[in-house]
All heavy atoms as atom14 arrays in JSON, in Angstrom:
{
  "sequence": "SYADSVKGRFTISRDSAKNTVYLQMDTLKPEDTAVYYCSAQSPL",
  "atom14_mask": [
    [1, 1, 1, 1, 1, 1, 0, 0, 0, 0, 0, 0, 0, 0],
    [1, 1, 1, 1, 1, 1, 1, 1, 1, 1, 1, 1, 0, 0],
    [1, 1, 1, 1, 1, 0, 0, 0, 0, 0, 0, 0, 0, 0],
    [1, 1, 1, 1, 1, 1, 1, 1, 0, 0, 0, 0, 0, 0],
    [1, 1, 1, 1, 1, 1, 0, 0, 0, 0, 0, 0, 0, 0],
    [1, 1, 1, 1, 1, 1, 1, 0, 0, 0, 0, 0, 0, 0],
    [1, 1, 1, 1, 1, 1, 1, 1, 1, 0, 0, 0, 0, 0],
    [1, 1, 1, 1, 0, 0, 0, 0, 0, 0, 0, 0, 0, 0],
    [1, 1, 1, 1, 1, 1, 1, 1, 1, 1, 1, 0, 0, 0],
    [1, 1, 1, 1, 1, 1, 1, 1, 1, 1, 1, 0, 0, 0],
    [1, 1, 1, 1, 1, 1, 1, 0, 0, 0, 0, 0, 0, 0],
    [1, 1, 1, 1, 1, 1, 1, 1, 0, 0, 0, 0, 0, 0],
    [1, 1, 1, 1, 1, 1, 0, 0, 0, 0, 0, 0, 0, 0],
    [1, 1, 1, 1, 1, 1, 1, 1, 1, 1, 1, 0, 0, 0],
    [1, 1, 1, 1, 1, 1, 1, 1, 0, 0, 0, 0, 0, 0],
    [1, 1, 1, 1, 1, 1, 0, 0, 0, 0, 0, 0, 0, 0],
    [1, 1, 1, 1, 1, 0, 0, 0, 0, 0, 0, 0, 0, 0],
    [1, 1, 1, 1, 1, 1, 1, 1, 1, 0, 0, 0, 0, 0],
    [1, 1, 1, 1, 1, 1, 1, 1, 0, 0, 0, 0, 0, 0],
    [1, 1, 1, 1, 1, 1, 1, 0, 0, 0, 0, 0, 0, 0],
    [1, 1, 1, 1, 1, 1, 1, 0, 0, 0, 0, 0, 0, 0],
    [1, 1, 1, 1, 1, 1, 1, 1, 1, 1, 1, 1, 0, 0],
    [1, 1, 1, 1, 1, 1, 1, 1, 0, 0, 0, 0, 0, 0],
    [1, 1, 1, 1, 1, 1, 1, 1, 1, 0, 0, 0, 0, 0],
    [1, 1, 1, 1, 1, 1, 1, 1, 0, 0, 0, 0, 0, 0],
    [1, 1, 1, 1, 1, 1, 1, 1, 0, 0, 0, 0, 0, 0],
    [1, 1, 1, 1, 1, 1, 1, 0, 0, 0, 0, 0, 0, 0],
    [1, 1, 1, 1, 1, 1, 1, 1, 0, 0, 0, 0, 0, 0],
    [1, 1, 1, 1, 1, 1, 1, 1, 1, 0, 0, 0, 0, 0],
    [1, 1, 1, 1, 1, 1, 1, 0, 0, 0, 0, 0, 0, 0],
    [1, 1, 1, 1, 1, 1, 1, 1, 1, 0, 0, 0, 0, 0],
    [1, 1, 1, 1, 1, 1, 1, 1, 0, 0, 0, 0, 0, 0],
    [1, 1, 1, 1, 1, 1, 1, 0, 0, 0, 0, 0, 0, 0],
    [1, 1, 1, 1, 1, 0, 0, 0, 0, 0, 0, 0, 0, 0],
    [1, 1, 1, 1, 1, 1, 1, 0, 0, 0, 0, 0, 0, 0],
    [1, 1, 1, 1, 1, 1, 1, 1, 1, 1, 1, 1, 0, 0],
    [1, 1, 1, 1, 1, 1, 1, 1, 1, 1, 1, 1, 0, 0],
    [1, 1, 1, 1, 1, 1, 0, 0, 0, 0, 0, 0, 0, 0],
    [1, 1, 1, 1, 1, 1, 0, 0, 0, 0, 0, 0, 0, 0],
    [1, 1, 1, 1, 1, 0, 0, 0, 0, 0, 0, 0, 0, 0],
    [1, 1, 1, 1, 1, 1, 1, 1, 1, 0, 0, 0, 0, 0],
    [1, 1, 1, 1, 1, 1, 0, 0, 0, 0, 0, 0, 0, 0],
    [1, 1, 1, 1, 1, 1, 1, 0, 0, 0, 0, 0, 0, 0],
    [1, 1, 1, 1, 1, 1, 1, 1, 0, 0, 0, 0, 0, 0]
  ],
  "atom14_positions": [
    [[115.91, 90.51, 112.98], [117.29, 90.3, 113.39], [117.67, 91.37, 114.41], [117.09, 92.46, 114.42], [118.24, 90.34, 112.18], [118.15, 91.57, 111.52], [0.0, 0.0, 0.0], [0.0, 0.0, 0.0], [0.0, 0.0, 0.0], [0.0, 0.0, 0.0], [0.0, 0.0, 0.0], [0.0, 0.0, 0.0], [0.0, 0.0, 0.0], [0.0, 0.0, 0.0]],
    [[118.65, 91.01, 115.24], [119.04, 91.89, 116.35], [120.56, 91.96, 116.47], [121.27, 90.99, 116.19], [118.48, 91.35, 117.66], [116.99, 91.26, 117.73], [116.32, 90.11, 117.34], [116.23, 92.34, 118.17], [114.94, 90.03, 117.4], [114.85, 92.27, 118.24], [114.21, 91.11, 117.85], [112.85, 91.03, 117.9], [0.0, 0.0, 0.0], [0.0, 0.0, 0.0]],
    [[121.02, 93.1, 116.94], [122.43, 93.22, 117.3], [122.67, 92.36, 118.55], [121.77, 92.21, 119.39], [122.78, 94.68, 117.58], [0.0, 0.0, 0.0], [0.0, 0.0, 0.0], [0.0, 0.0, 0.0], [0.0, 0.0, 0.0], [0.0, 0.0, 0.0], [0.0, 0.0, 0.0], [0.0, 0.0, 0.0], [0.0, 0.0, 0.0], [0.0, 0.0, 0.0]],
    [[123.87, 91.84, 118.67], [124.18, 90.98, 119.82], [123.98, 91.71, 121.14], [123.6, 91.1, 122.14], [125.61, 90.48, 119.71], [125.79, 89.43, 118.63], [124.77, 88.84, 118.18], [126.94, 89.19, 118.22], [0.0, 0.0, 0.0], [0.0, 0.0, 0.0], [0.0, 0.0, 0.0], [0.0, 0.0, 0.0], [0.0, 0.0, 0.0], [0.0, 0.0, 0.0]],
    [[124.23, 93.0, 121.14], [124.17, 93.78, 122.37], [122.74, 93.9, 122.93], [122.57, 94.2, 124.11], [124.74, 95.18, 122.15], [124.03, 95.84, 121.12], [0.0, 0.0, 0.0], [0.0, 0.0, 0.0], [0.0, 0.0, 0.0], [0.0, 0.0, 0.0], [0.0, 0.0, 0.0], [0.0, 0.0, 0.0], [0.0, 0.0, 0.0], [0.0, 0.0, 0.0]],
    [[121.73, 93.66, 122.1], [120.35, 93.8, 122.56], [119.56, 92.5, 122.47], [118.41, 92.44, 122.93], [119.61, 94.91, 121.78], [120.38, 96.22, 121.84], [119.35, 94.49, 120.34], [0.0, 0.0, 0.0], [0.0, 0.0, 0.0], [0.0, 0.0, 0.0], [0.0, 0.0, 0.0], [0.0, 0.0, 0.0], [0.0, 0.0, 0.0], [0.0, 0.0, 0.0]],
    [[120.16, 91.48, 121.9], [119.46, 90.22, 121.7], [118.99, 89.66, 123.04], [119.76, 89.6, 124.01], [120.38, 89.23, 120.98], [119.68, 88.07, 120.32], [120.67, 87.27, 119.49], [121.21, 88.07, 118.33], [122.13, 87.27, 117.47], [0.0, 0.0, 0.0], [0.0, 0.0, 0.0], [0.0, 0.0, 0.0], [0.0, 0.0, 0.0], [0.0, 0.0, 0.0]],
    [[117.74, 89.26, 123.08], [117.17, 88.74, 124.31], [116.57, 89.79, 125.22], [115.86, 89.47, 126.17], [0.0, 0.0, 0.0], [0.0, 0.0, 0.0], [0.0, 0.0, 0.0], [0.0, 0.0, 0.0], [0.0, 0.0, 0.0], [0.0, 0.0, 0.0], [0.0, 0.0, 0.0], [0.0, 0.0, 0.0], [0.0, 0.0, 0.0], [0.0, 0.0, 0.0]],
    [[116.84, 91.05, 124.94], [116.29, 92.14, 125.75], [115.35, 93.04, 124.96], [114.39, 93.57, 125.52], [117.43, 92.99, 126.32], [118.4, 92.25, 127.2], [119.39, 93.19, 127.87], [120.21, 93.92, 126.9], [120.23, 95.24, 126.79], [119.49, 95.99, 127.58], [121.02, 95.82, 125.9], [0.0, 0.0, 0.0], [0.0, 0.0, 0.0], [0.0, 0.0, 0.0]],
    [[115.62, 93.21, 123.69], [114.8, 94.07, 122.83], [114.0, 93.2, 121.89], [114.45, 92.15, 121.43], [115.68, 95.02, 122.01], [116.36, 96.11, 122.79], [116.41, 96.1, 124.18], [116.97, 97.16, 122.12], [117.04, 97.1, 124.88], [117.6, 98.18, 122.81], [117.64, 98.14, 124.19], [0.0, 0.0, 0.0], [0.0, 0.0, 0.0], [0.0, 0.0, 0.0]],
    [[112.81, 93.68, 121.56], [111.95, 92.98, 120.61], [111.4, 93.97, 119.6], [110.78, 94.97, 119.98], [110.77, 92.29, 121.33], [111.28, 91.39, 122.33], [109.93, 91.5, 120.33], [0.0, 0.0, 0.0], [0.0, 0.0, 0.0], [0.0, 0.0, 0.0], [0.0, 0.0, 0.0], [0.0, 0.0, 0.0], [0.0, 0.0, 0.0], [0.0, 0.0, 0.0]],
    [[111.63, 93.68, 118.33], [111.07, 94.5, 117.26], [109.8, 93.82, 116.76], [109.74, 92.59, 116.64], [112.09, 94.72, 116.12], [111.58, 95.78, 115.14], [112.42, 93.41, 115.41], [112.65, 96.22, 114.14], [0.0, 0.0, 0.0], [0.0, 0.0, 0.0], [0.0, 0.0, 0.0], [0.0, 0.0, 0.0], [0.0, 0.0, 0.0], [0.0, 0.0, 0.0]],
    [[108.78, 94.61, 116.5], [107.53, 94.06, 116.0], [106.87, 95.09, 115.09], [107.27, 96.25, 115.07], [106.59, 93.69, 117.15], [106.24, 94.84, 117.9], [0.0, 0.0, 0.0], [0.0, 0.0, 0.0], [0.0, 0.0, 0.0], [0.0, 0.0, 0.0], [0.0, 0.0, 0.0], [0.0, 0.0, 0.0], [0.0, 0.0, 0.0], [0.0, 0.0, 0.0]],
    [[105.87, 94.64, 114.38], [105.18, 95.56, 113.48], [103.69, 95.3, 113.53], [103.23, 94.17, 113.73], [105.7, 95.41, 112.05], [105.51, 94.01, 111.49], [105.98, 93.91, 110.06], [105.7, 92.58, 109.53], [105.59, 92.29, 108.26], [105.72, 93.24, 107.37], [105.34, 91.07, 107.86], [0.0, 0.0, 0.0], [0.0, 0.0, 0.0], [0.0, 0.0, 0.0]],
    [[102.95, 96.37, 113.33], [101.5, 96.31, 113.21], [101.17, 96.84, 111.82], [101.15, 98.06, 111.6], [100.84, 97.14, 114.31], [99.33, 97.03, 114.3], [98.74, 96.77, 113.23], [98.73, 97.24, 115.36], [0.0, 0.0, 0.0], [0.0, 0.0, 0.0], [0.0, 0.0, 0.0], [0.0, 0.0, 0.0], [0.0, 0.0, 0.0], [0.0, 0.0, 0.0]],
    [[100.94, 95.94, 110.89], [100.71, 96.35, 109.51], [99.46, 97.21, 109.36], [99.43, 98.12, 108.54], [100.59, 95.11, 108.61], [101.79, 94.37, 108.62], [0.0, 0.0, 0.0], [0.0, 0.0, 0.0], [0.0, 0.0, 0.0], [0.0, 0.0, 0.0], [0.0, 0.0, 0.0], [0.0, 0.0, 0.0], [0.0, 0.0, 0.0], [0.0, 0.0, 0.0]],
    [[98.47, 96.96, 110.17], [97.22, 97.74, 110.09], [97.46, 99.2, 110.46], [96.78, 100.1, 109.96], [96.17, 97.13, 110.98], [0.0, 0.0, 0.0], [0.0, 0.0, 0.0], [0.0, 0.0, 0.0], [0.0, 0.0, 0.0], [0.0, 0.0, 0.0], [0.0, 0.0, 0.0], [0.0, 0.0, 0.0], [0.0, 0.0, 0.0], [0.0, 0.0, 0.0]],
    [[98.42, 99.42, 111.34], [98.73, 100.79, 111.78], [99.98, 101.34, 111.1], [100.39, 102.46, 111.41], [98.91, 100.81, 113.3], [97.67, 100.44, 114.09], [97.92, 100.52, 115.59], [96.67, 100.21, 116.37], [96.9, 100.28, 117.84], [0.0, 0.0, 0.0], [0.0, 0.0, 0.0], [0.0, 0.0, 0.0], [0.0, 0.0, 0.0], [0.0, 0.0, 0.0]],
    [[100.6, 100.55, 110.22], [101.84, 100.98, 109.55], [102.87, 101.44, 110.57], [103.54, 102.47, 110.38], [101.55, 102.09, 108.53], [100.66, 101.63, 107.41], [100.73, 100.49, 106.97], [99.78, 102.52, 106.96], [0.0, 0.0, 0.0], [0.0, 0.0, 0.0], [0.0, 0.0, 0.0], [0.0, 0.0, 0.0], [0.0, 0.0, 0.0], [0.0, 0.0, 0.0]],
    [[102.98, 100.69, 111.63], [103.85, 101.08, 112.74], [104.76, 99.92, 113.12], [104.33, 98.77, 113.16], [103.01, 101.51, 113.95], [102.21, 102.64, 113.57], [103.89, 101.92, 115.12], [0.0, 0.0, 0.0], [0.0, 0.0, 0.0], [0.0, 0.0, 0.0], [0.0, 0.0, 0.0], [0.0, 0.0, 0.0], [0.0, 0.0, 0.0], [0.0, 0.0, 0.0]],
    [[105.99, 100.26, 113.39], [106.98, 99.31, 113.9], [107.36, 99.73, 115.32], [107.53, 100.92, 115.58], [108.21, 99.25, 112.99], [109.31, 98.42, 113.62], [107.84, 98.67, 111.63], [0.0, 0.0, 0.0], [0.0, 0.0, 0.0], [0.0, 0.0, 0.0], [0.0, 0.0, 0.0], [0.0, 0.0, 0.0], [0.0, 0.0, 0.0], [0.0, 0.0, 0.0]],
    [[107.45, 98.76, 116.18], [107.75, 99.02, 117.58], [109.11, 98.43, 117.98], [109.57, 97.44, 117.4], [106.67, 98.4, 118.48], [105.28, 98.87, 118.18], [104.44, 98.12, 117.36], [104.8, 100.07, 118.7], [103.16, 98.55, 117.08], [103.52, 100.51, 118.4], [102.7, 99.74, 117.6], [101.43, 100.17, 117.31], [0.0, 0.0, 0.0], [0.0, 0.0, 0.0]],
    [[109.7, 99.03, 118.97], [110.89, 98.46, 119.59], [110.62, 98.4, 121.1], [110.62, 99.44, 121.76], [112.15, 99.28, 119.3], [113.44, 98.66, 119.84], [113.77, 97.38, 119.07], [114.6, 99.65, 119.73], [0.0, 0.0, 0.0], [0.0, 0.0, 0.0], [0.0, 0.0, 0.0], [0.0, 0.0, 0.0], [0.0, 0.0, 0.0], [0.0, 0.0, 0.0]],
    [[110.34, 97.21, 121.58], [110.15, 97.01, 122.99], [111.5, 96.75, 123.62], [112.2, 95.82, 123.23], [109.22, 95.81, 123.25], [109.01, 95.47, 124.71], [108.28, 96.54, 125.47], [107.33, 97.14, 124.96], [108.69, 96.79, 126.71], [0.0, 0.0, 0.0], [0.0, 0.0, 0.0], [0.0, 0.0, 0.0], [0.0, 0.0, 0.0], [0.0, 0.0, 0.0]],
    [[111.85, 97.58, 124.59], [113.17, 97.49, 125.21], [112.99, 97.12, 126.68], [112.4, 97.89, 127.44], [113.9, 98.82, 125.07], [114.04, 99.29, 123.63], [114.93, 100.86, 123.47], [113.72, 101.98, 124.16], [0.0, 0.0, 0.0], [0.0, 0.0, 0.0], [0.0, 0.0, 0.0], [0.0, 0.0, 0.0], [0.0, 0.0, 0.0], [0.0, 0.0, 0.0]],
    [[113.46, 95.96, 127.03], [113.36, 95.47, 128.41], [114.76, 95.31, 129.01], [115.75, 95.26, 128.29], [112.63, 94.12, 128.43], [111.21, 94.22, 127.92], [110.52, 95.21, 128.26], [110.78, 93.33, 127.17], [0.0, 0.0, 0.0], [0.0, 0.0, 0.0], [0.0, 0.0, 0.0], [0.0, 0.0, 0.0], [0.0, 0.0, 0.0], [0.0, 0.0, 0.0]],
    [[114.78, 95.2, 130.31], [116.05, 95.03, 131.04], [117.08, 96.05, 130.56], [118.23, 95.71, 130.21], [116.6, 93.59, 130.87], [115.52, 92.64, 130.94], [117.6, 93.26, 131.96], [0.0, 0.0, 0.0], [0.0, 0.0, 0.0], [0.0, 0.0, 0.0], [0.0, 0.0, 0.0], [0.0, 0.0, 0.0], [0.0, 0.0, 0.0], [0.0, 0.0, 0.0]],
    [[116.67, 97.28, 130.52], [117.53, 98.33, 130.0], [118.75, 98.54, 130.89], [118.68, 98.41, 132.12], [116.75, 99.63, 129.85], [115.84, 99.67, 128.61], [114.76, 100.72, 128.75], [116.68, 99.93, 127.37], [0.0, 0.0, 0.0], [0.0, 0.0, 0.0], [0.0, 0.0, 0.0], [0.0, 0.0, 0.0], [0.0, 0.0, 0.0], [0.0, 0.0, 0.0]],
    [[119.85, 98.88, 130.23], [121.12, 99.11, 130.89], [121.57, 100.55, 130.63], [121.18, 101.13, 129.62], [122.18, 98.14, 130.37], [121.81, 96.67, 130.47], [122.88, 95.81, 129.81], [122.54, 94.33, 129.87], [123.58, 93.49, 129.22], [0.0, 0.0, 0.0], [0.0, 0.0, 0.0], [0.0, 0.0, 0.0], [0.0, 0.0, 0.0], [0.0, 0.0, 0.0]],
    [[122.42, 101.09, 131.48], [122.92, 102.45, 131.22], [123.57, 102.58, 129.84], [123.45, 103.64, 129.21], [123.93, 102.66, 132.35], [123.42, 101.81, 133.47], [122.84, 100.6, 132.8], [0.0, 0.0, 0.0], [0.0, 0.0, 0.0], [0.0, 0.0, 0.0], [0.0, 0.0, 0.0], [0.0, 0.0, 0.0], [0.0, 0.0, 0.0], [0.0, 0.0, 0.0]],
    [[124.2, 101.52, 129.38], [124.85, 101.58, 128.06], [123.86, 101.6, 126.9], [124.26, 101.74, 125.75], [125.84, 100.43, 127.88], [125.28, 99.06, 128.19], [125.61, 98.61, 129.6], [125.5, 99.43, 130.55], [125.94, 97.42, 129.76], [0.0, 0.0, 0.0], [0.0, 0.0, 0.0], [0.0, 0.0, 0.0], [0.0, 0.0, 0.0], [0.0, 0.0, 0.0]],
    [[122.58, 101.43, 127.19], [121.56, 101.58, 126.16], [121.18, 103.05, 125.94], [120.41, 103.36, 125.02], [120.3, 100.8, 126.53], [120.52, 99.29, 126.56], [121.2, 98.78, 125.66], [120.01, 98.64, 127.49], [0.0, 0.0, 0.0], [0.0, 0.0, 0.0], [0.0, 0.0, 0.0], [0.0, 0.0, 0.0], [0.0, 0.0, 0.0], [0.0, 0.0, 0.0]],
    [[121.7, 103.91, 126.77], [121.41, 105.34, 126.62], [121.91, 105.85, 125.28], [123.07, 105.66, 124.92], [122.09, 106.14, 127.75], [121.5, 105.76, 129.0], [121.91, 107.63, 127.55], [0.0, 0.0, 0.0], [0.0, 0.0, 0.0], [0.0, 0.0, 0.0], [0.0, 0.0, 0.0], [0.0, 0.0, 0.0], [0.0, 0.0, 0.0], [0.0, 0.0, 0.0]],
    [[121.0, 106.43, 124.52], [121.34, 106.9, 123.17], [120.12, 107.59, 122.58], [119.02, 107.53, 123.14], [121.75, 105.73, 122.28], [0.0, 0.0, 0.0], [0.0, 0.0, 0.0], [0.0, 0.0, 0.0], [0.0, 0.0, 0.0], [0.0, 0.0, 0.0], [0.0, 0.0, 0.0], [0.0, 0.0, 0.0], [0.0, 0.0, 0.0], [0.0, 0.0, 0.0]],
    [[120.34, 108.22, 121.46], [119.23, 108.68, 120.63], [118.9, 107.55, 119.67], [119.79, 107.05, 118.96], [119.57, 109.96, 119.86], [118.41, 110.37, 118.97], [119.92, 111.08, 120.83], [0.0, 0.0, 0.0], [0.0, 0.0, 0.0], [0.0, 0.0, 0.0], [0.0, 0.0, 0.0], [0.0, 0.0, 0.0], [0.0, 0.0, 0.0], [0.0, 0.0, 0.0]],
    [[117.65, 107.14, 119.65], [117.21, 106.03, 118.82], [116.5, 106.55, 117.57], [115.65, 107.45, 117.66], [116.28, 105.12, 119.61], [117.02, 104.25, 120.59], [117.62, 104.8, 121.73], [117.17, 102.88, 120.38], [118.32, 104.01, 122.62], [117.86, 102.08, 121.27], [118.45, 102.66, 122.39], [119.15, 101.87, 123.27], [0.0, 0.0, 0.0], [0.0, 0.0, 0.0]],
    [[116.84, 105.95, 116.44], [116.28, 106.36, 115.15], [115.61, 105.18, 114.47], [116.06, 104.04, 114.58], [117.38, 106.88, 114.23], [118.12, 108.1, 114.73], [119.24, 107.97, 115.51], [117.67, 109.39, 114.4], [119.92, 109.08, 115.97], [118.35, 110.5, 114.85], [119.47, 110.34, 115.64], [120.14, 111.46, 116.1], [0.0, 0.0, 0.0], [0.0, 0.0, 0.0]],
    [[114.57, 105.5, 113.74], [113.9, 104.51, 112.91], [114.28, 104.76, 111.45], [114.39, 105.91, 111.03], [112.39, 104.67, 113.1], [111.37, 103.72, 111.99], [0.0, 0.0, 0.0], [0.0, 0.0, 0.0], [0.0, 0.0, 0.0], [0.0, 0.0, 0.0], [0.0, 0.0, 0.0], [0.0, 0.0, 0.0], [0.0, 0.0, 0.0], [0.0, 0.0, 0.0]],
    [[114.49, 103.7, 110.7], [114.84, 103.83, 109.29], [114.06, 102.83, 108.47], [113.87, 101.68, 108.88], [116.33, 103.58, 109.1], [116.67, 103.62, 107.73], [0.0, 0.0, 0.0], [0.0, 0.0, 0.0], [0.0, 0.0, 0.0], [0.0, 0.0, 0.0], [0.0, 0.0, 0.0], [0.0, 0.0, 0.0], [0.0, 0.0, 0.0], [0.0, 0.0, 0.0]],
    [[113.61, 103.26, 107.31], [112.91, 102.38, 106.38], [113.63, 102.39, 105.05], [114.1, 103.44, 104.6], [111.46, 102.83, 106.19], [0.0, 0.0, 0.0], [0.0, 0.0, 0.0], [0.0, 0.0, 0.0], [0.0, 0.0, 0.0], [0.0, 0.0, 0.0], [0.0, 0.0, 0.0], [0.0, 0.0, 0.0], [0.0, 0.0, 0.0], [0.0, 0.0, 0.0]],
    [[113.74, 101.22, 104.46], [114.45, 101.12, 103.18], [113.53, 100.58, 102.1], [112.77, 99.64, 102.32], [115.65, 100.2, 103.34], [116.7, 100.73, 104.29], [117.92, 99.83, 104.35], [118.26, 99.16, 103.39], [118.57, 99.8, 105.5], [0.0, 0.0, 0.0], [0.0, 0.0, 0.0], [0.0, 0.0, 0.0], [0.0, 0.0, 0.0], [0.0, 0.0, 0.0]],
    [[113.63, 101.19, 100.93], [113.01, 100.67, 99.72], [114.15, 100.29, 98.78], [115.31, 100.56, 99.09], [112.09, 101.73, 99.11], [112.86, 102.79, 98.6], [0.0, 0.0, 0.0], [0.0, 0.0, 0.0], [0.0, 0.0, 0.0], [0.0, 0.0, 0.0], [0.0, 0.0, 0.0], [0.0, 0.0, 0.0], [0.0, 0.0, 0.0], [0.0, 0.0, 0.0]],
    [[113.85, 99.71, 97.64], [114.94, 99.31, 96.73], [115.84, 100.47, 96.32], [117.02, 100.25, 96.0], [114.18, 98.74, 95.53], [112.94, 98.17, 96.13], [112.55, 99.15, 97.22], [0.0, 0.0, 0.0], [0.0, 0.0, 0.0], [0.0, 0.0, 0.0], [0.0, 0.0, 0.0], [0.0, 0.0, 0.0], [0.0, 0.0, 0.0], [0.0, 0.0, 0.0]],
    [[115.33, 101.68, 96.33], [116.13, 102.8, 95.83], [116.44, 103.85, 96.88], [117.3, 104.7, 96.65], [115.42, 103.47, 94.65], [115.23, 102.63, 93.39], [114.47, 103.41, 92.33], [116.57, 102.17, 92.84], [0.0, 0.0, 0.0], [0.0, 0.0, 0.0], [0.0, 0.0, 0.0], [0.0, 0.0, 0.0], [0.0, 0.0, 0.0], [0.0, 0.0, 0.0]]
  ]
}
């Protein structure tokens, strides 16, 4: 799922073998300037 502000420009994907999640960001805009954080959630 994606926020409306990035839908169609950003793509989230995962490589289970590498335990890595990616965020491919295309057609970047000045308003995309920010510090980006990754978060993982478990049940607790």
